[in-house]
Amino acid sequence: MEEVTPEVEDAVVEQRGAGQPEDGDAAASTSSRSIPDHGIGSEADSSSPEQPNPGQGVDPGGEIEADLDELVATSAERDHYLALAQRTQADFENYRKRVARDAAQAQERGVAKLAKELLPALDNLDRALEAAAEEDPLLTGVKLVRSEIAAALTRVGIEAFSPLGETFDPNFHEAMVQQAVEGAASGTVAEVYQNGYRMGDTVIRPARVLVAA
C-alpha cells in the first residue's frame, strides 16, 4: 500500500473545503429553498383569469315557458282522449239499447207469428165446444186442450178480446156485416163472430163483428 505523505493529505483537505459549503451556509440554502414566496403567490392568484359562473347564460323564464307549453299540450291531449272515450261509451250504450230493443221486437214478431198459426186451431176448438153435446165423453178433453192453448198464449202476453157493445174501431175490429139491429146504437158492435187477439198495443188479429147501422 502506498504511503500518504503529509503534503498530499493537506491538499485533499483543501480541495474538500473548496467544494463543500460550511454547515451554516448549507442550512441557510436549505431554508431559502423550503420557504415559499407568499408575495409572488398572491400576485399569481390575483392575476389568474376569473373562472366562469356555471349559472351564467341560462334563461329561467324560457325554461318555465317551455314547461307551460308542454303542460298545455298534455292537457289538450288528455281532453281529446277523454272526449273520445266519452263518445265511445255513449255510442256503445246507444248500440246496446238498440240491440236490446231489436231483440225484443224480433221476439215479439216471432211470438205473434206463432200465435197466428195457432189461432185457427183455437177457433176450431171453440166451434167443437159449441157443437158438442153435454153428454159427449170427449167434451172434457176438448175443453182441457182449449184451456191449455189459451193459457200458453196468455203467458207470452197474448190476450183475447170481445168488443161487444163497443164503438166500432177499424184498428181493432173487422166489420163482416153492417145492418140495423134493434136496441143497438148505430156504429156499435152488435155481434161478435170471432174474438180478436192482441199483444200489448199490437193487434195480432182483429175481432170479426157485426156493426149496427
C-alpha atoms as a PDB file:
ATOM      1  CA  MET A   1       0.000   0.000   0.000  1.00  0.00           C
ATOM      2  CA  GLU A   2       1.274   3.443  -0.939  1.00  0.00           C
ATOM      3  CA  GLU A   3       2.070   5.697   1.972  1.00  0.00           C
ATOM      4  CA  VAL A   4       0.246   9.100   2.098  1.00  0.00           C
ATOM      5  CA  THR A   5       2.595  11.945   2.855  1.00  0.00           C
ATOM      6  CA  PRO A   6       1.512  14.946   4.958  1.00  0.00           C
ATOM      7  CA  GLU A   7       1.658  17.214   1.959  1.00  0.00           C
ATOM      8  CA  VAL A   8      -0.833  15.122  -0.025  1.00  0.00           C
ATOM      9  CA  GLU A   9      -3.222  14.907   2.934  1.00  0.00           C
ATOM     10  CA  ASP A  10      -3.199  18.711   3.290  1.00  0.00           C
ATOM     11  CA  ALA A  11      -4.002  19.131  -0.403  1.00  0.00           C
ATOM     12  CA  VAL A  12      -7.015  16.778  -0.180  1.00  0.00           C
ATOM     13  CA  VAL A  13      -8.406  18.636   2.795  1.00  0.00           C
ATOM     14  CA  GLU A  14      -8.104  21.947   0.970  1.00  0.00           C
ATOM     15  CA  GLN A  15      -9.828  20.509  -2.090  1.00  0.00           C
ATOM     16  CA  ARG A  16     -12.744  19.258   0.000  1.00  0.00           C
ATOM     17  CA  GLY A  17     -13.123  22.579   1.733  1.00  0.00           C
ATOM     18  CA  ALA A  18     -13.313  24.433  -1.540  1.00  0.00           C
ATOM     19  CA  GLY A  19     -16.084  22.197  -2.979  1.00  0.00           C
ATOM     20  CA  GLN A  20     -18.443  21.897   0.044  1.00  0.00           C
ATOM     21  CA  PRO A  21     -20.172  24.787   1.863  1.00  0.00           C
ATOM     22  CA  GLU A  22     -19.966  25.335   5.557  1.00  0.00           C
ATOM     23  CA  ASP A  23     -22.704  23.878   7.782  1.00  0.00           C
ATOM     24  CA  GLY A  24     -24.282  27.255   8.344  1.00  0.00           C
ATOM     25  CA  ASP A  25     -24.311  28.080   4.647  1.00  0.00           C
ATOM     26  CA  ALA A  26     -25.984  24.745   3.845  1.00  0.00           C
ATOM     27  CA  ALA A  27     -28.722  25.355   6.385  1.00  0.00           C
ATOM     28  CA  ALA A  28     -29.353  28.820   5.002  1.00  0.00           C
ATOM     29  CA  SER A  29     -29.557  27.473   1.486  1.00  0.00           C
ATOM     30  CA  THR A  30     -31.997  24.756   2.507  1.00  0.00           C
ATOM     31  CA  SER A  31     -34.105  27.240   4.426  1.00  0.00           C
ATOM     32  CA  SER A  32     -34.269  29.585   1.480  1.00  0.00           C
ATOM     33  CA  ARG A  33     -35.472  26.821  -0.788  1.00  0.00           C
ATOM     34  CA  SER A  34     -38.146  25.492   1.592  1.00  0.00           C
ATOM     35  CA  ILE A  35     -39.844  28.815   2.399  1.00  0.00           C
ATOM     36  CA  PRO A  36     -42.330  29.849  -0.354  1.00  0.00           C
ATOM     37  CA  ASP A  37     -42.513  33.416  -1.525  1.00  0.00           C
ATOM     38  CA  HIS A  38     -46.052  34.454  -0.482  1.00  0.00           C
ATOM     39  CA  GLY A  39     -45.838  37.667  -2.298  1.00  0.00           C
ATOM     40  CA  ILE A  40     -45.258  36.025  -5.617  1.00  0.00           C
ATOM     41  CA  GLY A  41     -48.068  33.512  -4.972  1.00  0.00           C
ATOM     42  CA  SER A  42     -50.530  36.275  -4.157  1.00  0.00           C
ATOM     43  CA  GLU A  43     -49.652  38.136  -7.292  1.00  0.00           C
ATOM     44  CA  ALA A  44     -50.128  34.959  -9.334  1.00  0.00           C
ATOM     45  CA  ASP A  45     -53.505  34.314  -7.744  1.00  0.00           C
ATOM     46  CA  SER A  46     -54.695  37.846  -8.291  1.00  0.00           C
ATOM     47  CA  SER A  47     -53.588  37.843 -11.889  1.00  0.00           C
ATOM     48  CA  SER A  48     -55.198  34.478 -12.735  1.00  0.00           C
ATOM     49  CA  PRO A  49     -58.275  34.695 -15.088  1.00  0.00           C
ATOM     50  CA  GLU A  50     -61.750  34.734 -13.465  1.00  0.00           C
ATOM     51  CA  GLN A  51     -63.467  31.333 -13.539  1.00  0.00           C
ATOM     52  CA  PRO A  52     -66.846  31.303 -15.413  1.00  0.00           C
ATOM     53  CA  ASN A  53     -70.059  31.014 -13.353  1.00  0.00           C
ATOM     54  CA  PRO A  54     -71.952  27.788 -14.232  1.00  0.00           C
ATOM     55  CA  GLY A  55     -75.280  29.634 -13.961  1.00  0.00           C
ATOM     56  CA  GLN A  56     -74.377  32.296 -16.477  1.00  0.00           C
ATOM     57  CA  GLY A  57     -76.130  32.098 -19.893  1.00  0.00           C
ATOM     58  CA  VAL A  58     -79.239  30.162 -18.636  1.00  0.00           C
ATOM     59  CA  ASP A  59     -82.667  31.760 -19.123  1.00  0.00           C
ATOM     60  CA  PRO A  60     -85.063  30.557 -16.342  1.00  0.00           C
ATOM     61  CA  GLY A  61     -88.005  32.323 -17.987  1.00  0.00           C
ATOM     62  CA  GLY A  62     -87.517  30.372 -21.198  1.00  0.00           C
ATOM     63  CA  GLU A  63     -87.481  27.050 -19.368  1.00  0.00           C
ATOM     64  CA  ILE A  64     -90.683  27.935 -17.496  1.00  0.00           C
ATOM     65  CA  GLU A  65     -92.408  28.957 -20.728  1.00  0.00           C
ATOM     66  CA  ALA A  66     -91.360  25.683 -22.370  1.00  0.00           C
ATOM     67  CA  ASP A  67     -92.717  23.725 -19.385  1.00  0.00           C
ATOM     68  CA  LEU A  68     -96.009  25.628 -19.565  1.00  0.00           C
ATOM     69  CA  ASP A  69     -96.318  24.912 -23.295  1.00  0.00           C
ATOM     70  CA  GLU A  70     -95.709  21.225 -22.671  1.00  0.00           C
ATOM     71  CA  LEU A  71     -98.283  21.209 -19.860  1.00  0.00           C
ATOM     72  CA  VAL A  72    -100.887  22.895 -22.092  1.00  0.00           C
ATOM     73  CA  ALA A  73    -100.216  20.396 -24.888  1.00  0.00           C
ATOM     74  CA  THR A  74    -100.538  17.471 -22.468  1.00  0.00           C
ATOM     75  CA  SER A  75    -103.784  18.871 -21.063  1.00  0.00           C
ATOM     76  CA  ALA A  76    -105.232  19.327 -24.567  1.00  0.00           C
ATOM     77  CA  GLU A  77    -104.268  15.767 -25.483  1.00  0.00           C
ATOM     78  CA  ARG A  78    -105.876  14.471 -22.300  1.00  0.00           C
ATOM     79  CA  ASP A  79    -109.107  16.365 -23.027  1.00  0.00           C
ATOM     80  CA  HIS A  80    -109.124  14.951 -26.569  1.00  0.00           C
ATOM     81  CA  TYR A  81    -108.819  11.357 -25.419  1.00  0.00           C
ATOM     82  CA  LEU A  82    -111.343  11.919 -22.624  1.00  0.00           C
ATOM     83  CA  ALA A  83    -113.905  13.266 -25.106  1.00  0.00           C
ATOM     84  CA  LEU A  84    -113.162  10.353 -27.425  1.00  0.00           C
ATOM     85  CA  ALA A  85    -113.710   7.862 -24.586  1.00  0.00           C
ATOM     86  CA  GLN A  86    -116.979   9.550 -23.610  1.00  0.00           C
ATOM     87  CA  ARG A  87    -118.241   9.454 -27.211  1.00  0.00           C
ATOM     88  CA  THR A  88    -117.257   5.812 -27.496  1.00  0.00           C
ATOM     89  CA  GLN A  89    -119.077   5.000 -24.251  1.00  0.00           C
ATOM     90  CA  ALA A  90    -122.198   6.872 -25.422  1.00  0.00           C
ATOM     91  CA  ASP A  91    -122.120   5.109 -28.795  1.00  0.00           C
ATOM     92  CA  PHE A  92    -121.769   1.728 -27.101  1.00  0.00           C
ATOM     93  CA  GLU A  93    -124.653   2.499 -24.729  1.00  0.00           C
ATOM     94  CA  ASN A  94    -126.860   3.504 -27.671  1.00  0.00           C
ATOM     95  CA  TYR A  95    -125.790   0.360 -29.522  1.00  0.00           C
ATOM     96  CA  ARG A  96    -126.607  -1.809 -26.502  1.00  0.00           C
ATOM     97  CA  LYS A  97    -130.061  -0.242 -26.167  1.00  0.00           C
ATOM     98  CA  ARG A  98    -130.706  -0.600 -29.894  1.00  0.00           C
ATOM     99  CA  VAL A  99    -129.681  -4.253 -29.868  1.00  0.00           C
ATOM    100  CA  ALA A 100    -131.878  -4.936 -26.833  1.00  0.00           C
ATOM    101  CA  ARG A 101    -134.813  -3.174 -28.491  1.00  0.00           C
ATOM    102  CA  ASP A 102    -134.310  -5.014 -31.761  1.00  0.00           C
ATOM    103  CA  ALA A 103    -134.066  -8.333 -29.920  1.00  0.00           C
ATOM    104  CA  ALA A 104    -137.301  -7.614 -28.020  1.00  0.00           C
ATOM    105  CA  GLN A 105    -139.092  -6.628 -31.236  1.00  0.00           C
ATOM    106  CA  ALA A 106    -137.814  -9.740 -33.015  1.00  0.00           C
ATOM    107  CA  GLN A 107    -139.087 -11.877 -30.148  1.00  0.00           C
ATOM    108  CA  GLU A 108    -142.476 -10.191 -30.279  1.00  0.00           C
ATOM    109  CA  ARG A 109    -142.685 -10.759 -34.029  1.00  0.00           C
ATOM    110  CA  GLY A 110    -141.798 -14.410 -33.556  1.00  0.00           C
ATOM    111  CA  VAL A 111    -144.435 -14.853 -30.847  1.00  0.00           C
ATOM    112  CA  ALA A 112    -147.055 -13.057 -32.938  1.00  0.00           C
ATOM    113  CA  LYS A 113    -146.267 -15.216 -35.961  1.00  0.00           C
ATOM    114  CA  LEU A 114    -146.601 -18.392 -33.908  1.00  0.00           C
ATOM    115  CA  ALA A 115    -149.863 -17.165 -32.379  1.00  0.00           C
ATOM    116  CA  LYS A 116    -151.347 -16.523 -35.820  1.00  0.00           C
ATOM    117  CA  GLU A 117    -150.601 -20.141 -36.689  1.00  0.00           C
ATOM    118  CA  LEU A 118    -152.316 -21.378 -33.507  1.00  0.00           C
ATOM    119  CA  LEU A 119    -155.390 -19.167 -33.591  1.00  0.00           C
ATOM    120  CA  PRO A 120    -157.218 -21.160 -36.315  1.00  0.00           C
ATOM    121  CA  ALA A 121    -156.826 -24.312 -34.224  1.00  0.00           C
ATOM    122  CA  LEU A 122    -158.169 -22.438 -31.223  1.00  0.00           C
ATOM    123  CA  ASP A 123    -161.156 -21.269 -33.280  1.00  0.00           C
ATOM    124  CA  ASN A 124    -161.876 -24.835 -34.327  1.00  0.00           C
ATOM    125  CA  LEU A 125    -161.822 -25.968 -30.707  1.00  0.00           C
ATOM    126  CA  ASP A 126    -164.327 -23.227 -29.867  1.00  0.00           C
ATOM    127  CA  ARG A 127    -166.644 -24.426 -32.652  1.00  0.00           C
ATOM    128  CA  ALA A 128    -166.291 -28.013 -31.471  1.00  0.00           C
ATOM    129  CA  LEU A 129    -167.252 -26.993 -27.940  1.00  0.00           C
ATOM    130  CA  GLU A 130    -170.309 -25.111 -29.209  1.00  0.00           C
ATOM    131  CA  ALA A 131    -171.463 -28.058 -31.300  1.00  0.00           C
ATOM    132  CA  ALA A 132    -170.697 -30.813 -28.814  1.00  0.00           C
ATOM    133  CA  ALA A 133    -173.457 -32.312 -26.720  1.00  0.00           C
ATOM    134  CA  GLU A 134    -173.223 -32.065 -22.963  1.00  0.00           C
ATOM    135  CA  GLU A 135    -173.031 -35.840 -22.592  1.00  0.00           C
ATOM    136  CA  ASP A 136    -170.230 -36.214 -25.143  1.00  0.00           C
ATOM    137  CA  PRO A 137    -167.343 -38.029 -23.401  1.00  0.00           C
ATOM    138  CA  LEU A 138    -164.797 -36.020 -25.476  1.00  0.00           C
ATOM    139  CA  LEU A 139    -166.098 -32.680 -24.265  1.00  0.00           C
ATOM    140  CA  THR A 140    -163.883 -32.634 -21.194  1.00  0.00           C
ATOM    141  CA  GLY A 141    -160.758 -33.397 -23.220  1.00  0.00           C
ATOM    142  CA  VAL A 142    -161.512 -30.675 -25.777  1.00  0.00           C
ATOM    143  CA  LYS A 143    -162.086 -28.133 -23.021  1.00  0.00           C
ATOM    144  CA  LEU A 144    -158.756 -29.083 -21.451  1.00  0.00           C
ATOM    145  CA  VAL A 145    -156.851 -28.696 -24.737  1.00  0.00           C
ATOM    146  CA  ARG A 146    -158.511 -25.353 -25.427  1.00  0.00           C
ATOM    147  CA  SER A 147    -157.663 -24.119 -21.921  1.00  0.00           C
ATOM    148  CA  GLU A 148    -154.009 -25.139 -22.253  1.00  0.00           C
ATOM    149  CA  ILE A 149    -153.581 -23.284 -25.551  1.00  0.00           C
ATOM    150  CA  ALA A 150    -155.260 -20.136 -24.185  1.00  0.00           C
ATOM    151  CA  ALA A 151    -153.044 -20.271 -21.066  1.00  0.00           C
ATOM    152  CA  ALA A 152    -149.892 -20.604 -23.207  1.00  0.00           C
ATOM    153  CA  LEU A 153    -150.876 -17.543 -25.240  1.00  0.00           C
ATOM    154  CA  THR A 154    -151.535 -15.586 -22.063  1.00  0.00           C
ATOM    155  CA  ARG A 155    -148.087 -16.449 -20.683  1.00  0.00           C
ATOM    156  CA  VAL A 156    -146.413 -14.851 -23.684  1.00  0.00           C
ATOM    157  CA  GLY A 157    -148.577 -11.730 -23.412  1.00  0.00           C
ATOM    158  CA  ILE A 158    -151.347 -12.540 -25.897  1.00  0.00           C
ATOM    159  CA  GLU A 159    -154.915 -11.995 -24.826  1.00  0.00           C
ATOM    160  CA  ALA A 160    -158.307 -12.353 -26.473  1.00  0.00           C
ATOM    161  CA  PHE A 161    -160.810  -9.509 -26.598  1.00  0.00           C
ATOM    162  CA  SER A 162    -164.506  -9.376 -27.459  1.00  0.00           C
ATOM    163  CA  PRO A 163    -165.703  -5.835 -28.345  1.00  0.00           C
ATOM    164  CA  LEU A 164    -169.449  -6.484 -27.967  1.00  0.00           C
ATOM    165  CA  GLY A 165    -171.292  -3.192 -27.375  1.00  0.00           C
ATOM    166  CA  GLU A 166    -168.173  -1.070 -28.083  1.00  0.00           C
ATOM    167  CA  THR A 167    -167.916   1.586 -30.770  1.00  0.00           C
ATOM    168  CA  PHE A 168    -166.593   0.157 -33.983  1.00  0.00           C
ATOM    169  CA  ASP A 169    -162.864   0.828 -34.441  1.00  0.00           C
ATOM    170  CA  PRO A 170    -161.276  -0.306 -37.713  1.00  0.00           C
ATOM    171  CA  ASN A 171    -157.892  -0.559 -35.962  1.00  0.00           C
ATOM    172  CA  PHE A 172    -159.191  -3.367 -33.746  1.00  0.00           C
ATOM    173  CA  HIS A 173    -162.347  -4.632 -35.465  1.00  0.00           C
ATOM    174  CA  GLU A 174    -163.140  -6.149 -38.827  1.00  0.00           C
ATOM    175  CA  ALA A 175    -166.734  -5.438 -39.928  1.00  0.00           C
ATOM    176  CA  MET A 176    -168.228  -8.521 -41.551  1.00  0.00           C
ATOM    177  CA  VAL A 177    -171.817  -7.169 -41.724  1.00  0.00           C
ATOM    178  CA  GLN A 178    -173.424  -3.805 -41.143  1.00  0.00           C
ATOM    179  CA  GLN A 179    -177.177  -3.721 -40.560  1.00  0.00           C
ATOM    180  CA  ALA A 180    -179.790  -2.215 -38.362  1.00  0.00           C
ATOM    181  CA  VAL A 181    -180.095  -4.017 -35.063  1.00  0.00           C
ATOM    182  CA  GLU A 182    -182.922  -3.354 -32.662  1.00  0.00           C
ATOM    183  CA  GLY A 183    -181.663  -1.959 -29.383  1.00  0.00           C
ATOM    184  CA  ALA A 184    -178.120  -1.274 -30.673  1.00  0.00           C
ATOM    185  CA  ALA A 185    -176.834   2.209 -31.331  1.00  0.00           C
ATOM    186  CA  SER A 186    -175.602   2.951 -34.808  1.00  0.00           C
ATOM    187  CA  GLY A 187    -171.902   2.388 -35.230  1.00  0.00           C
ATOM    188  CA  THR A 188    -171.554  -0.031 -32.340  1.00  0.00           C
ATOM    189  CA  VAL A 189    -170.637  -3.706 -32.354  1.00  0.00           C
ATOM    190  CA  ALA A 190    -173.916  -5.611 -32.159  1.00  0.00           C
ATOM    191  CA  GLU A 191    -172.471  -9.120 -32.500  1.00  0.00           C
ATOM    192  CA  VAL A 192    -169.007 -10.750 -32.337  1.00  0.00           C
ATOM    193  CA  TYR A 193    -168.405 -13.553 -34.804  1.00  0.00           C
ATOM    194  CA  GLN A 194    -164.818 -14.207 -33.818  1.00  0.00           C
ATOM    195  CA  ASN A 195    -162.762 -12.898 -30.910  1.00  0.00           C
ATOM    196  CA  GLY A 196    -159.773 -10.709 -31.594  1.00  0.00           C
ATOM    197  CA  TYR A 197    -156.274 -11.192 -30.159  1.00  0.00           C
ATOM    198  CA  ARG A 198    -153.633  -8.636 -29.260  1.00  0.00           C
ATOM    199  CA  MET A 199    -150.241  -8.463 -27.620  1.00  0.00           C
ATOM    200  CA  GLY A 200    -149.934  -5.203 -25.761  1.00  0.00           C
ATOM    201  CA  ASP A 201    -150.875  -2.482 -28.240  1.00  0.00           C
ATOM    202  CA  THR A 202    -150.239  -4.722 -31.250  1.00  0.00           C
ATOM    203  CA  VAL A 203    -153.281  -6.366 -32.779  1.00  0.00           C
ATOM    204  CA  ILE A 204    -152.465  -9.902 -33.904  1.00  0.00           C
ATOM    205  CA  ARG A 205    -155.917 -10.474 -35.294  1.00  0.00           C
ATOM    206  CA  PRO A 206    -158.857  -8.062 -35.309  1.00  0.00           C
ATOM    207  CA  ALA A 207    -162.226  -9.171 -33.996  1.00  0.00           C
ATOM    208  CA  ARG A 208    -164.767 -10.026 -36.657  1.00  0.00           C
ATOM    209  CA  VAL A 209    -168.025  -8.265 -35.812  1.00  0.00           C
ATOM    210  CA  LEU A 210    -171.448  -7.148 -36.935  1.00  0.00           C
ATOM    211  CA  VAL A 211    -171.842  -3.369 -36.838  1.00  0.00           C
ATOM    212  CA  ALA A 212    -175.206  -1.795 -36.138  1.00  0.00           C
ATOM    213  CA  ALA A 213    -176.345   0.625 -38.839  1.00  0.00           C
END
